[in-house]
């Protein structure tokens, strides 16, 4: 798996690879940049499920930004282990954030963007 920054680079790769959105970040108050991962190798037996798991991953990120914590927890249970396990540490990080956000509800200005 490789990580790339920016939508333009991600769009150039989507015809050849599976590209999944990760986090949106700002670096020193910059314009938000979306980080993506590029999955290069998918086991043959997983091919029939790829589109379903891509949608589930996309939905996870949407629900995360919209503070739907239970959906996030449920979808992470399903997603962990897929993608050759390459995203498992990302899913664990999201799950940890979700659990923290459930305990310490963010205010209305929260967008899910991570400042670096």
PDB file of N, CA and C in Angstrom:
ATOM      1  N   UNK A   1       0.842  -1.166   0.000  1.00  0.00           N
ATOM      2  CA  UNK A   1       0.000   0.000   0.000  1.00  0.00           C
ATOM      3  C   UNK A   1       0.892   1.235   0.000  1.00  0.00           C
ATOM      4  N   UNK A   2       0.491   2.224  -0.767  1.00  0.00           N
ATOM      5  CA  UNK A   2       1.174   3.509  -0.800  1.00  0.00           C
ATOM      6  C   UNK A   2       0.189   4.593  -0.391  1.00  0.00           C
ATOM      7  N   UNK A   3       0.712   5.650   0.179  1.00  0.00           N
ATOM      8  CA  UNK A   3      -0.101   6.801   0.567  1.00  0.00           C
ATOM      9  C   UNK A   3       0.228   7.937  -0.393  1.00  0.00           C
ATOM     10  N   UNK A   4      -0.809   8.581  -0.899  1.00  0.00           N
ATOM     11  CA  UNK A   4      -0.618   9.756  -1.754  1.00  0.00           C
ATOM     12  C   UNK A   4      -1.465  10.891  -1.214  1.00  0.00           C
ATOM     13  N   UNK A   5      -1.062  12.105  -1.518  1.00  0.00           N
ATOM     14  CA  UNK A   5      -1.797  13.292  -1.087  1.00  0.00           C
ATOM     15  C   UNK A   5      -2.364  14.003  -2.299  1.00  0.00           C
ATOM     16  N   UNK A   6      -3.614  14.379  -2.192  1.00  0.00           N
ATOM     17  CA  UNK A   6      -4.239  15.181  -3.239  1.00  0.00           C
ATOM     18  C   UNK A   6      -5.133  14.381  -4.165  1.00  0.00           C
ATOM     19  N   UNK A   7      -6.245  14.983  -4.478  1.00  0.00           N
ATOM     20  CA  UNK A   7      -7.261  14.346  -5.308  1.00  0.00           C
ATOM     21  C   UNK A   7      -6.796  14.129  -6.739  1.00  0.00           C
ATOM     22  N   UNK A   8      -6.046  15.064  -7.283  1.00  0.00           N
ATOM     23  CA  UNK A   8      -5.602  14.937  -8.677  1.00  0.00           C
ATOM     24  C   UNK A   8      -4.755  13.678  -8.870  1.00  0.00           C
ATOM     25  N   UNK A   9      -3.824  13.433  -7.969  1.00  0.00           N
ATOM     26  CA  UNK A   9      -3.001  12.230  -8.070  1.00  0.00           C
ATOM     27  C   UNK A   9      -3.847  10.971  -7.896  1.00  0.00           C
ATOM     28  N   UNK A  10      -4.783  11.019  -6.966  1.00  0.00           N
ATOM     29  CA  UNK A  10      -5.652   9.856  -6.731  1.00  0.00           C
ATOM     30  C   UNK A  10      -6.478   9.533  -7.968  1.00  0.00           C
ATOM     31  N   UNK A  11      -7.030  10.557  -8.594  1.00  0.00           N
ATOM     32  CA  UNK A  11      -7.870  10.329  -9.776  1.00  0.00           C
ATOM     33  C   UNK A  11      -7.079   9.712 -10.928  1.00  0.00           C
ATOM     34  N   UNK A  12      -5.816  10.074 -11.065  1.00  0.00           N
ATOM     35  CA  UNK A  12      -4.992   9.505 -12.137  1.00  0.00           C
ATOM     36  C   UNK A  12      -4.742   8.007 -11.952  1.00  0.00           C
ATOM     37  N   UNK A  13      -4.847   7.541 -10.727  1.00  0.00           N
ATOM     38  CA  UNK A  13      -4.529   6.148 -10.435  1.00  0.00           C
ATOM     39  C   UNK A  13      -5.741   5.221 -10.366  1.00  0.00           C
ATOM     40  N   UNK A  14      -6.938   5.785 -10.353  1.00  0.00           N
ATOM     41  CA  UNK A  14      -8.127   4.956 -10.117  1.00  0.00           C
ATOM     42  C   UNK A  14      -8.428   3.966 -11.234  1.00  0.00           C
ATOM     43  N   UNK A  15      -7.951   4.206 -12.431  1.00  0.00           N
ATOM     44  CA  UNK A  15      -8.188   3.244 -13.510  1.00  0.00           C
ATOM     45  C   UNK A  15      -7.346   1.987 -13.359  1.00  0.00           C
ATOM     46  N   UNK A  16      -6.216   2.108 -12.714  1.00  0.00           N
ATOM     47  CA  UNK A  16      -5.281   0.990 -12.616  1.00  0.00           C
ATOM     48  C   UNK A  16      -5.262   0.334 -11.234  1.00  0.00           C
ATOM     49  N   UNK A  17      -5.587   1.106 -10.188  1.00  0.00           N
ATOM     50  CA  UNK A  17      -5.480   0.618  -8.819  1.00  0.00           C
ATOM     51  C   UNK A  17      -6.758   0.909  -8.039  1.00  0.00           C
ATOM     52  N   UNK A  18      -6.876   0.241  -6.905  1.00  0.00           N
ATOM     53  CA  UNK A  18      -7.922   0.581  -5.944  1.00  0.00           C
ATOM     54  C   UNK A  18      -7.378   1.714  -5.092  1.00  0.00           C
ATOM     55  N   UNK A  19      -8.088   2.835  -5.099  1.00  0.00           N
ATOM     56  CA  UNK A  19      -7.672   4.027  -4.363  1.00  0.00           C
ATOM     57  C   UNK A  19      -8.769   4.357  -3.359  1.00  0.00           C
ATOM     58  N   UNK A  20      -8.390   4.483  -2.092  1.00  0.00           N
ATOM     59  CA  UNK A  20      -9.350   4.732  -1.024  1.00  0.00           C
ATOM     60  C   UNK A  20      -8.975   5.996  -0.260  1.00  0.00           C
ATOM     61  N   UNK A  21      -9.970   6.803   0.032  1.00  0.00           N
ATOM     62  CA  UNK A  21      -9.751   8.008   0.828  1.00  0.00           C
ATOM     63  C   UNK A  21      -9.430   7.630   2.262  1.00  0.00           C
ATOM     64  N   UNK A  22      -8.456   8.317   2.821  1.00  0.00           N
ATOM     65  CA  UNK A  22      -8.138   8.137   4.232  1.00  0.00           C
ATOM     66  C   UNK A  22      -8.582   9.397   4.970  1.00  0.00           C
ATOM     67  N   UNK A  23      -7.666  10.162   5.465  1.00  0.00           N
ATOM     68  CA  UNK A  23      -8.003  11.364   6.227  1.00  0.00           C
ATOM     69  C   UNK A  23      -7.839  12.622   5.398  1.00  0.00           C
ATOM     70  N   UNK A  24      -8.492  13.665   5.864  1.00  0.00           N
ATOM     71  CA  UNK A  24      -8.260  15.001   5.344  1.00  0.00           C
ATOM     72  C   UNK A  24      -7.414  15.717   6.380  1.00  0.00           C
ATOM     73  N   UNK A  25      -6.328  16.319   5.922  1.00  0.00           N
ATOM     74  CA  UNK A  25      -5.382  16.943   6.842  1.00  0.00           C
ATOM     75  C   UNK A  25      -5.078  18.379   6.410  1.00  0.00           C
ATOM     76  N   UNK A  26      -4.656  19.149   7.379  1.00  0.00           N
ATOM     77  CA  UNK A  26      -4.072  20.460   7.088  1.00  0.00           C
ATOM     78  C   UNK A  26      -2.673  20.453   7.682  1.00  0.00           C
ATOM     79  N   UNK A  27      -1.766  21.060   6.967  1.00  0.00           N
ATOM     80  CA  UNK A  27      -0.384  21.144   7.431  1.00  0.00           C
ATOM     81  C   UNK A  27      -0.073  22.614   7.650  1.00  0.00           C
ATOM     82  N   UNK A  28       0.161  22.957   8.911  1.00  0.00           N
ATOM     83  CA  UNK A  28       0.442  24.349   9.280  1.00  0.00           C
ATOM     84  C   UNK A  28      -0.601  25.296   8.705  1.00  0.00           C
ATOM     85  N   UNK A  29      -1.873  25.010   8.986  1.00  0.00           N
ATOM     86  CA  UNK A  29      -3.009  25.849   8.578  1.00  0.00           C
ATOM     87  C   UNK A  29      -3.175  25.958   7.066  1.00  0.00           C
ATOM     88  N   UNK A  30      -2.683  24.992   6.338  1.00  0.00           N
ATOM     89  CA  UNK A  30      -2.826  25.022   4.883  1.00  0.00           C
ATOM     90  C   UNK A  30      -4.252  24.650   4.476  1.00  0.00           C
ATOM     91  N   UNK A  31      -4.497  24.717   3.198  1.00  0.00           N
ATOM     92  CA  UNK A  31      -5.751  24.239   2.652  1.00  0.00           C
ATOM     93  C   UNK A  31      -5.836  22.740   2.920  1.00  0.00           C
ATOM     94  N   UNK A  32      -7.009  22.238   3.311  1.00  0.00           N
ATOM     95  CA  UNK A  32      -7.124  20.798   3.573  1.00  0.00           C
ATOM     96  C   UNK A  32      -6.719  19.958   2.360  1.00  0.00           C
ATOM     97  N   UNK A  33      -5.981  18.891   2.646  1.00  0.00           N
ATOM     98  CA  UNK A  33      -5.506  17.956   1.628  1.00  0.00           C
ATOM     99  C   UNK A  33      -6.029  16.571   2.000  1.00  0.00           C
ATOM    100  N   UNK A  34      -6.549  15.863   1.030  1.00  0.00           N
ATOM    101  CA  UNK A  34      -7.044  14.519   1.289  1.00  0.00           C
ATOM    102  C   UNK A  34      -5.911  13.520   1.049  1.00  0.00           C
ATOM    103  N   UNK A  35      -5.728  12.642   2.014  1.00  0.00           N
ATOM    104  CA  UNK A  35      -4.756  11.549   1.887  1.00  0.00           C
ATOM    105  C   UNK A  35      -5.501  10.312   1.398  1.00  0.00           C
ATOM    106  N   UNK A  36      -4.878   9.604   0.487  1.00  0.00           N
ATOM    107  CA  UNK A  36      -5.459   8.386  -0.079  1.00  0.00           C
ATOM    108  C   UNK A  36      -4.451   7.254   0.064  1.00  0.00           C
ATOM    109  N   UNK A  37      -4.969   6.039   0.061  1.00  0.00           N
ATOM    110  CA  UNK A  37      -4.085   4.890  -0.031  1.00  0.00           C
ATOM    111  C   UNK A  37      -4.335   4.206  -1.364  1.00  0.00           C
ATOM    112  N   UNK A  38      -3.279   3.647  -1.889  1.00  0.00           N
ATOM    113  CA  UNK A  38      -3.342   2.920  -3.154  1.00  0.00           C
ATOM    114  C   UNK A  38      -3.080   1.462  -2.837  1.00  0.00           C
ATOM    115  N   UNK A  39      -4.078   0.628  -3.092  1.00  0.00           N
ATOM    116  CA  UNK A  39      -3.945  -0.809  -2.885  1.00  0.00           C
ATOM    117  C   UNK A  39      -3.510  -1.408  -4.215  1.00  0.00           C
ATOM    118  N   UNK A  40      -2.324  -1.961  -4.242  1.00  0.00           N
ATOM    119  CA  UNK A  40      -1.782  -2.483  -5.497  1.00  0.00           C
ATOM    120  C   UNK A  40      -2.113  -3.949  -5.726  1.00  0.00           C
ATOM    121  N   UNK A  41      -2.206  -4.722  -4.659  1.00  0.00           N
ATOM    122  CA  UNK A  41      -2.406  -6.156  -4.802  1.00  0.00           C
ATOM    123  C   UNK A  41      -3.647  -6.588  -4.031  1.00  0.00           C
ATOM    124  N   UNK A  42      -4.567  -7.208  -4.737  1.00  0.00           N
ATOM    125  CA  UNK A  42      -5.779  -7.750  -4.121  1.00  0.00           C
ATOM    126  C   UNK A  42      -5.823  -9.235  -4.475  1.00  0.00           C
ATOM    127  N   UNK A  43      -5.957 -10.093  -3.471  1.00  0.00           N
ATOM    128  CA  UNK A  43      -6.031 -11.524  -3.764  1.00  0.00           C
ATOM    129  C   UNK A  43      -7.194 -11.838  -4.705  1.00  0.00           C
ATOM    130  N   UNK A  44      -6.977 -12.766  -5.582  1.00  0.00           N
ATOM    131  CA  UNK A  44      -7.981 -13.142  -6.572  1.00  0.00           C
ATOM    132  C   UNK A  44      -9.314 -13.496  -5.932  1.00  0.00           C
ATOM    133  N   UNK A  45      -9.287 -14.196  -4.812  1.00  0.00           N
ATOM    134  CA  UNK A  45     -10.541 -14.594  -4.166  1.00  0.00           C
ATOM    135  C   UNK A  45     -11.314 -13.418  -3.585  1.00  0.00           C
ATOM    136  N   UNK A  46     -10.656 -12.253  -3.409  1.00  0.00           N
ATOM    137  CA  UNK A  46     -11.338 -11.061  -2.892  1.00  0.00           C
ATOM    138  C   UNK A  46     -11.964 -10.208  -3.993  1.00  0.00           C
ATOM    139  N   UNK A  47     -11.620 -10.454  -5.249  1.00  0.00           N
ATOM    140  CA  UNK A  47     -12.132  -9.625  -6.340  1.00  0.00           C
ATOM    141  C   UNK A  47     -13.651  -9.478  -6.351  1.00  0.00           C
ATOM    142  N   UNK A  48     -14.425 -10.539  -6.114  1.00  0.00           N
ATOM    143  CA  UNK A  48     -15.886 -10.361  -6.144  1.00  0.00           C
ATOM    144  C   UNK A  48     -16.417  -9.403  -5.076  1.00  0.00           C
ATOM    145  N   UNK A  49     -15.631  -9.168  -4.022  1.00  0.00           N
ATOM    146  CA  UNK A  49     -16.080  -8.333  -2.907  1.00  0.00           C
ATOM    147  C   UNK A  49     -15.534  -6.903  -2.957  1.00  0.00           C
ATOM    148  N   UNK A  50     -14.632  -6.617  -3.878  1.00  0.00           N
ATOM    149  CA  UNK A  50     -13.922  -5.335  -3.870  1.00  0.00           C
ATOM    150  C   UNK A  50     -14.881  -4.145  -3.914  1.00  0.00           C
ATOM    151  N   UNK A  51     -15.830  -4.143  -4.807  1.00  0.00           N
ATOM    152  CA  UNK A  51     -16.737  -2.986  -4.928  1.00  0.00           C
ATOM    153  C   UNK A  51     -17.564  -2.795  -3.661  1.00  0.00           C
ATOM    154  N   UNK A  52     -17.991  -3.892  -3.046  1.00  0.00           N
ATOM    155  CA  UNK A  52     -18.765  -3.807  -1.799  1.00  0.00           C
ATOM    156  C   UNK A  52     -17.906  -3.205  -0.696  1.00  0.00           C
ATOM    157  N   UNK A  53     -16.663  -3.649  -0.592  1.00  0.00           N
ATOM    158  CA  UNK A  53     -15.777  -3.141   0.456  1.00  0.00           C
ATOM    159  C   UNK A  53     -15.328  -1.711   0.179  1.00  0.00           C
ATOM    160  N   UNK A  54     -15.168  -1.348  -1.085  1.00  0.00           N
ATOM    161  CA  UNK A  54     -14.857   0.047  -1.415  1.00  0.00           C
ATOM    162  C   UNK A  54     -15.988   0.953  -0.952  1.00  0.00           C
ATOM    163  N   UNK A  55     -17.228   0.547  -1.219  1.00  0.00           N
ATOM    164  CA  UNK A  55     -18.379   1.345  -0.792  1.00  0.00           C
ATOM    165  C   UNK A  55     -18.453   1.422   0.729  1.00  0.00           C
ATOM    166  N   UNK A  56     -18.231   0.300   1.395  1.00  0.00           N
ATOM    167  CA  UNK A  56     -18.265   0.297   2.858  1.00  0.00           C
ATOM    168  C   UNK A  56     -17.196   1.229   3.420  1.00  0.00           C
ATOM    169  N   UNK A  57     -16.004   1.218   2.833  1.00  0.00           N
ATOM    170  CA  UNK A  57     -14.933   2.117   3.277  1.00  0.00           C
ATOM    171  C   UNK A  57     -15.330   3.581   3.045  1.00  0.00           C
ATOM    172  N   UNK A  58     -15.867   3.875   1.867  1.00  0.00           N
ATOM    173  CA  UNK A  58     -16.309   5.243   1.556  1.00  0.00           C
ATOM    174  C   UNK A  58     -17.400   5.691   2.527  1.00  0.00           C
ATOM    175  N   UNK A  59     -18.345   4.807   2.791  1.00  0.00           N
ATOM    176  CA  UNK A  59     -19.418   5.117   3.740  1.00  0.00           C
ATOM    177  C   UNK A  59     -18.865   5.346   5.143  1.00  0.00           C
ATOM    178  N   UNK A  60     -17.879   4.544   5.533  1.00  0.00           N
ATOM    179  CA  UNK A  60     -17.241   4.727   6.836  1.00  0.00           C
ATOM    180  C   UNK A  60     -16.712   6.144   6.972  1.00  0.00           C
ATOM    181  N   UNK A  61     -15.987   6.604   5.966  1.00  0.00           N
ATOM    182  CA  UNK A  61     -15.403   7.946   6.047  1.00  0.00           C
ATOM    183  C   UNK A  61     -16.479   9.023   6.071  1.00  0.00           C
ATOM    184  N   UNK A  62     -17.550   8.831   5.315  1.00  0.00           N
ATOM    185  CA  UNK A  62     -18.669   9.780   5.327  1.00  0.00           C
ATOM    186  C   UNK A  62     -19.337   9.816   6.703  1.00  0.00           C
ATOM    187  N   UNK A  63     -19.605   8.659   7.263  1.00  0.00           N
ATOM    188  CA  UNK A  63     -20.254   8.600   8.580  1.00  0.00           C
ATOM    189  C   UNK A  63     -19.338   9.142   9.669  1.00  0.00           C
ATOM    190  N   UNK A  64     -18.044   8.938   9.532  1.00  0.00           N
ATOM    191  CA  UNK A  64     -17.093   9.504  10.492  1.00  0.00           C
ATOM    192  C   UNK A  64     -17.192  11.031  10.501  1.00  0.00           C
ATOM    193  N   UNK A  65     -17.168  11.632   9.337  1.00  0.00           N
ATOM    194  CA  UNK A  65     -17.252  13.097   9.252  1.00  0.00           C
ATOM    195  C   UNK A  65     -18.593  13.625   9.734  1.00  0.00           C
ATOM    196  N   UNK A  66     -19.614  12.781   9.695  1.00  0.00           N
ATOM    197  CA  UNK A  66     -20.961  13.193  10.114  1.00  0.00           C
ATOM    198  C   UNK A  66     -21.324  12.692  11.512  1.00  0.00           C
ATOM    199  N   UNK A  67     -20.319  12.255  12.257  1.00  0.00           N
ATOM    200  CA  UNK A  67     -20.462  11.891  13.674  1.00  0.00           C
ATOM    201  C   UNK A  67     -21.447  10.750  13.906  1.00  0.00           C
ATOM    202  N   UNK A  68     -21.467   9.795  13.011  1.00  0.00           N
ATOM    203  CA  UNK A  68     -22.316   8.611  13.189  1.00  0.00           C
ATOM    204  C   UNK A  68     -21.416   7.468  13.680  1.00  0.00           C
ATOM    205  N   UNK A  69     -21.138   7.525  14.964  1.00  0.00           N
ATOM    206  CA  UNK A  69     -20.116   6.682  15.565  1.00  0.00           C
ATOM    207  C   UNK A  69     -20.445   5.188  15.509  1.00  0.00           C
ATOM    208  N   UNK A  70     -21.704   4.827  15.747  1.00  0.00           N
ATOM    209  CA  UNK A  70     -22.054   3.402  15.761  1.00  0.00           C
ATOM    210  C   UNK A  70     -21.822   2.778  14.384  1.00  0.00           C
ATOM    211  N   UNK A  71     -22.184   3.488  13.340  1.00  0.00           N
ATOM    212  CA  UNK A  71     -21.948   2.976  11.989  1.00  0.00           C
ATOM    213  C   UNK A  71     -20.448   2.735  11.782  1.00  0.00           C
ATOM    214  N   UNK A  72     -19.648   3.684  12.244  1.00  0.00           N
ATOM    215  CA  UNK A  72     -18.189   3.558  12.105  1.00  0.00           C
ATOM    216  C   UNK A  72     -17.694   2.296  12.805  1.00  0.00           C
ATOM    217  N   UNK A  73     -18.135   2.098  14.032  1.00  0.00           N
ATOM    218  CA  UNK A  73     -17.696   0.920  14.779  1.00  0.00           C
ATOM    219  C   UNK A  73     -18.105  -0.370  14.071  1.00  0.00           C
ATOM    220  N   UNK A  74     -19.340  -0.420  13.604  1.00  0.00           N
ATOM    221  CA  UNK A  74     -19.834  -1.625  12.931  1.00  0.00           C
ATOM    222  C   UNK A  74     -19.100  -1.891  11.625  1.00  0.00           C
ATOM    223  N   UNK A  75     -18.867  -0.854  10.843  1.00  0.00           N
ATOM    224  CA  UNK A  75     -18.208  -1.057   9.548  1.00  0.00           C
ATOM    225  C   UNK A  75     -16.735  -1.438   9.722  1.00  0.00           C
ATOM    226  N   UNK A  76     -16.089  -0.914  10.737  1.00  0.00           N
ATOM    227  CA  UNK A  76     -14.692  -1.269  10.986  1.00  0.00           C
ATOM    228  C   UNK A  76     -14.567  -2.757  11.314  1.00  0.00           C
ATOM    229  N   UNK A  77     -15.528  -3.292  12.040  1.00  0.00           N
ATOM    230  CA  UNK A  77     -15.508  -4.730  12.341  1.00  0.00           C
ATOM    231  C   UNK A  77     -15.498  -5.558  11.062  1.00  0.00           C
ATOM    232  N   UNK A  78     -16.222  -5.095  10.057  1.00  0.00           N
ATOM    233  CA  UNK A  78     -16.295  -5.816   8.786  1.00  0.00           C
ATOM    234  C   UNK A  78     -15.043  -5.569   7.933  1.00  0.00           C
ATOM    235  N   UNK A  79     -14.568  -4.342   7.918  1.00  0.00           N
ATOM    236  CA  UNK A  79     -13.457  -3.967   7.050  1.00  0.00           C
ATOM    237  C   UNK A  79     -12.108  -4.515   7.503  1.00  0.00           C
ATOM    238  N   UNK A  80     -11.916  -4.647   8.815  1.00  0.00           N
ATOM    239  CA  UNK A  80     -10.618  -5.136   9.304  1.00  0.00           C
ATOM    240  C   UNK A  80     -10.338  -6.514   8.724  1.00  0.00           C
ATOM    241  N   UNK A  81      -9.150  -6.661   8.198  1.00  0.00           N
ATOM    242  CA  UNK A  81      -8.738  -7.918   7.602  1.00  0.00           C
ATOM    243  C   UNK A  81      -8.834  -7.926   6.089  1.00  0.00           C
ATOM    244  N   UNK A  82      -9.719  -7.083   5.537  1.00  0.00           N
ATOM    245  CA  UNK A  82      -9.798  -7.000   4.083  1.00  0.00           C
ATOM    246  C   UNK A  82      -8.620  -6.146   3.605  1.00  0.00           C
ATOM    247  N   UNK A  83      -8.463  -5.992   2.333  1.00  0.00           N
ATOM    248  CA  UNK A  83      -7.332  -5.264   1.730  1.00  0.00           C
ATOM    249  C   UNK A  83      -6.007  -5.851   2.192  1.00  0.00           C
ATOM    250  N   UNK A  84      -5.936  -7.156   2.303  1.00  0.00           N
ATOM    251  CA  UNK A  84      -4.723  -7.845   2.774  1.00  0.00           C
ATOM    252  C   UNK A  84      -4.322  -7.402   4.174  1.00  0.00           C
ATOM    253  N   UNK A  85      -5.251  -6.797   4.914  1.00  0.00           N
ATOM    254  CA  UNK A  85      -4.932  -6.288   6.246  1.00  0.00           C
ATOM    255  C   UNK A  85      -4.122  -5.007   6.213  1.00  0.00           C
ATOM    256  N   UNK A  86      -3.880  -4.459   5.016  1.00  0.00           N
ATOM    257  CA  UNK A  86      -3.023  -3.277   4.878  1.00  0.00           C
ATOM    258  C   UNK A  86      -3.607  -2.030   5.529  1.00  0.00           C
ATOM    259  N   UNK A  87      -4.923  -1.975   5.677  1.00  0.00           N
ATOM    260  CA  UNK A  87      -5.548  -0.799   6.286  1.00  0.00           C
ATOM    261  C   UNK A  87      -5.928  -1.029   7.741  1.00  0.00           C
ATOM    262  N   UNK A  88      -5.578  -2.165   8.293  1.00  0.00           N
ATOM    263  CA  UNK A  88      -5.999  -2.473   9.661  1.00  0.00           C
ATOM    264  C   UNK A  88      -5.521  -1.438  10.670  1.00  0.00           C
ATOM    265  N   UNK A  89      -4.298  -0.950  10.542  1.00  0.00           N
ATOM    266  CA  UNK A  89      -3.827   0.059  11.504  1.00  0.00           C
ATOM    267  C   UNK A  89      -4.602   1.363  11.327  1.00  0.00           C
ATOM    268  N   UNK A  90      -4.982   1.691  10.096  1.00  0.00           N
ATOM    269  CA  UNK A  90      -5.811   2.880   9.872  1.00  0.00           C
ATOM    270  C   UNK A  90      -7.172   2.686  10.532  1.00  0.00           C
ATOM    271  N   UNK A  91      -7.786   1.517  10.325  1.00  0.00           N
ATOM    272  CA  UNK A  91      -9.098   1.248  10.930  1.00  0.00           C
ATOM    273  C   UNK A  91      -9.018   1.270  12.453  1.00  0.00           C
ATOM    274  N   UNK A  92      -7.944   0.748  13.018  1.00  0.00           N
ATOM    275  CA  UNK A  92      -7.763   0.790  14.474  1.00  0.00           C
ATOM    276  C   UNK A  92      -7.646   2.226  14.960  1.00  0.00           C
ATOM    277  N   UNK A  93      -6.955   3.065  14.188  1.00  0.00           N
ATOM    278  CA  UNK A  93      -6.822   4.479  14.539  1.00  0.00           C
ATOM    279  C   UNK A  93      -8.177   5.182  14.496  1.00  0.00           C
ATOM    280  N   UNK A  94      -8.948   4.921  13.459  1.00  0.00           N
ATOM    281  CA  UNK A  94     -10.282   5.521  13.358  1.00  0.00           C
ATOM    282  C   UNK A  94     -11.147   5.050  14.525  1.00  0.00           C
ATOM    283  N   UNK A  95     -11.097   3.762  14.833  1.00  0.00           N
ATOM    284  CA  UNK A  95     -11.885   3.220  15.930  1.00  0.00           C
ATOM    285  C   UNK A  95     -11.508   3.881  17.247  1.00  0.00           C
ATOM    286  N   UNK A  96     -10.220   4.076  17.480  1.00  0.00           N
ATOM    287  CA  UNK A  96      -9.760   4.750  18.699  1.00  0.00           C
ATOM    288  C   UNK A  96     -10.293   6.192  18.750  1.00  0.00           C
ATOM    289  N   UNK A  97     -10.226   6.876  17.614  1.00  0.00           N
ATOM    290  CA  UNK A  97     -10.767   8.245  17.563  1.00  0.00           C
ATOM    291  C   UNK A  97     -12.258   8.256  17.848  1.00  0.00           C
ATOM    292  N   UNK A  98     -12.980   7.326  17.230  1.00  0.00           N
ATOM    293  CA  UNK A  98     -14.438   7.252  17.408  1.00  0.00           C
ATOM    294  C   UNK A  98     -14.775   7.030  18.875  1.00  0.00           C
ATOM    295  N   UNK A  99     -14.087   6.109  19.515  1.00  0.00           N
ATOM    296  CA  UNK A  99     -14.364   5.834  20.922  1.00  0.00           C
ATOM    297  C   UNK A  99     -14.084   7.065  21.776  1.00  0.00           C
ATOM    298  N   UNK A 100     -13.029   7.799  21.465  1.00  0.00           N
ATOM    299  CA  UNK A 100     -12.724   9.027  22.183  1.00  0.00           C
ATOM    300  C   UNK A 100     -13.790  10.096  21.918  1.00  0.00           C
ATOM    301  N   UNK A 101     -14.229  10.201  20.674  1.00  0.00           N
ATOM    302  CA  UNK A 101     -15.240  11.204  20.321  1.00  0.00           C
ATOM    303  C   UNK A 101     -16.603  10.873  20.924  1.00  0.00           C
ATOM    304  N   UNK A 102     -16.883   9.611  21.107  1.00  0.00           N
ATOM    305  CA  UNK A 102     -18.130   9.228  21.781  1.00  0.00           C
ATOM    306  C   UNK A 102     -18.113   9.674  23.234  1.00  0.00           C
ATOM    307  N   UNK A 103     -16.955   9.559  23.872  1.00  0.00           N
ATOM    308  CA  UNK A 103     -16.823   9.946  25.273  1.00  0.00           C
ATOM    309  C   UNK A 103     -16.707  11.452  25.444  1.00  0.00           C
ATOM    310  N   UNK A 104     -16.112  12.108  24.474  1.00  0.00           N
ATOM    311  CA  UNK A 104     -15.884  13.558  24.517  1.00  0.00           C
ATOM    312  C   UNK A 104     -16.458  14.169  23.250  1.00  0.00           C
ATOM    313  N   UNK A 105     -17.757  14.325  23.223  1.00  0.00           N
ATOM    314  CA  UNK A 105     -18.451  14.775  22.019  1.00  0.00           C
ATOM    315  C   UNK A 105     -17.853  16.072  21.479  1.00  0.00           C
ATOM    316  N   UNK A 106     -17.548  16.097  20.186  1.00  0.00           N
ATOM    317  CA  UNK A 106     -16.990  17.316  19.594  1.00  0.00           C
ATOM    318  C   UNK A 106     -18.079  18.389  19.438  1.00  0.00           C
ATOM    319  N   UNK A 107     -17.630  19.635  19.366  1.00  0.00           N
ATOM    320  CA  UNK A 107     -18.614  20.704  19.167  1.00  0.00           C
ATOM    321  C   UNK A 107     -19.056  20.751  17.708  1.00  0.00           C
ATOM    322  N   UNK A 108     -19.939  21.652  17.405  1.00  0.00           N
ATOM    323  CA  UNK A 108     -20.521  21.746  16.058  1.00  0.00           C
ATOM    324  C   UNK A 108     -19.507  22.123  14.982  1.00  0.00           C
ATOM    325  N   UNK A 109     -18.391  22.711  15.369  1.00  0.00           N
ATOM    326  CA  UNK A 109     -17.396  23.122  14.378  1.00  0.00           C
ATOM    327  C   UNK A 109     -16.498  21.965  13.934  1.00  0.00           C
ATOM    328  N   UNK A 110     -16.602  20.831  14.587  1.00  0.00           N
ATOM    329  CA  UNK A 110     -15.759  19.672  14.256  1.00  0.00           C
ATOM    330  C   UNK A 110     -16.056  19.172  12.854  1.00  0.00           C
ATOM    331  N   UNK A 111     -15.006  18.949  12.075  1.00  0.00           N
ATOM    332  CA  UNK A 111     -15.177  18.497  10.692  1.00  0.00           C
ATOM    333  C   UNK A 111     -14.471  17.175  10.412  1.00  0.00           C
ATOM    334  N   UNK A 112     -13.678  16.722  11.356  1.00  0.00           N
ATOM    335  CA  UNK A 112     -12.906  15.503  11.134  1.00  0.00           C
ATOM    336  C   UNK A 112     -11.556  15.757  10.484  1.00  0.00           C
ATOM    337  N   UNK A 113     -11.285  16.996  10.123  1.00  0.00           N
ATOM    338  CA  UNK A 113      -9.996  17.335   9.509  1.00  0.00           C
ATOM    339  C   UNK A 113      -8.923  17.313  10.594  1.00  0.00           C
ATOM    340  N   UNK A 114      -7.793  16.719  10.267  1.00  0.00           N
ATOM    341  CA  UNK A 114      -6.689  16.569  11.214  1.00  0.00           C
ATOM    342  C   UNK A 114      -5.635  17.629  10.917  1.00  0.00           C
ATOM    343  N   UNK A 115      -5.284  18.386  11.946  1.00  0.00           N
ATOM    344  CA  UNK A 115      -4.218  19.398  11.800  1.00  0.00           C
ATOM    345  C   UNK A 115      -2.874  18.761  12.138  1.00  0.00           C
ATOM    346  N   UNK A 116      -1.923  18.939  11.254  1.00  0.00           N
ATOM    347  CA  UNK A 116      -0.565  18.405  11.461  1.00  0.00           C
ATOM    348  C   UNK A 116       0.408  19.531  11.647  1.00  0.00           C
TER     349      UNK A 116
END
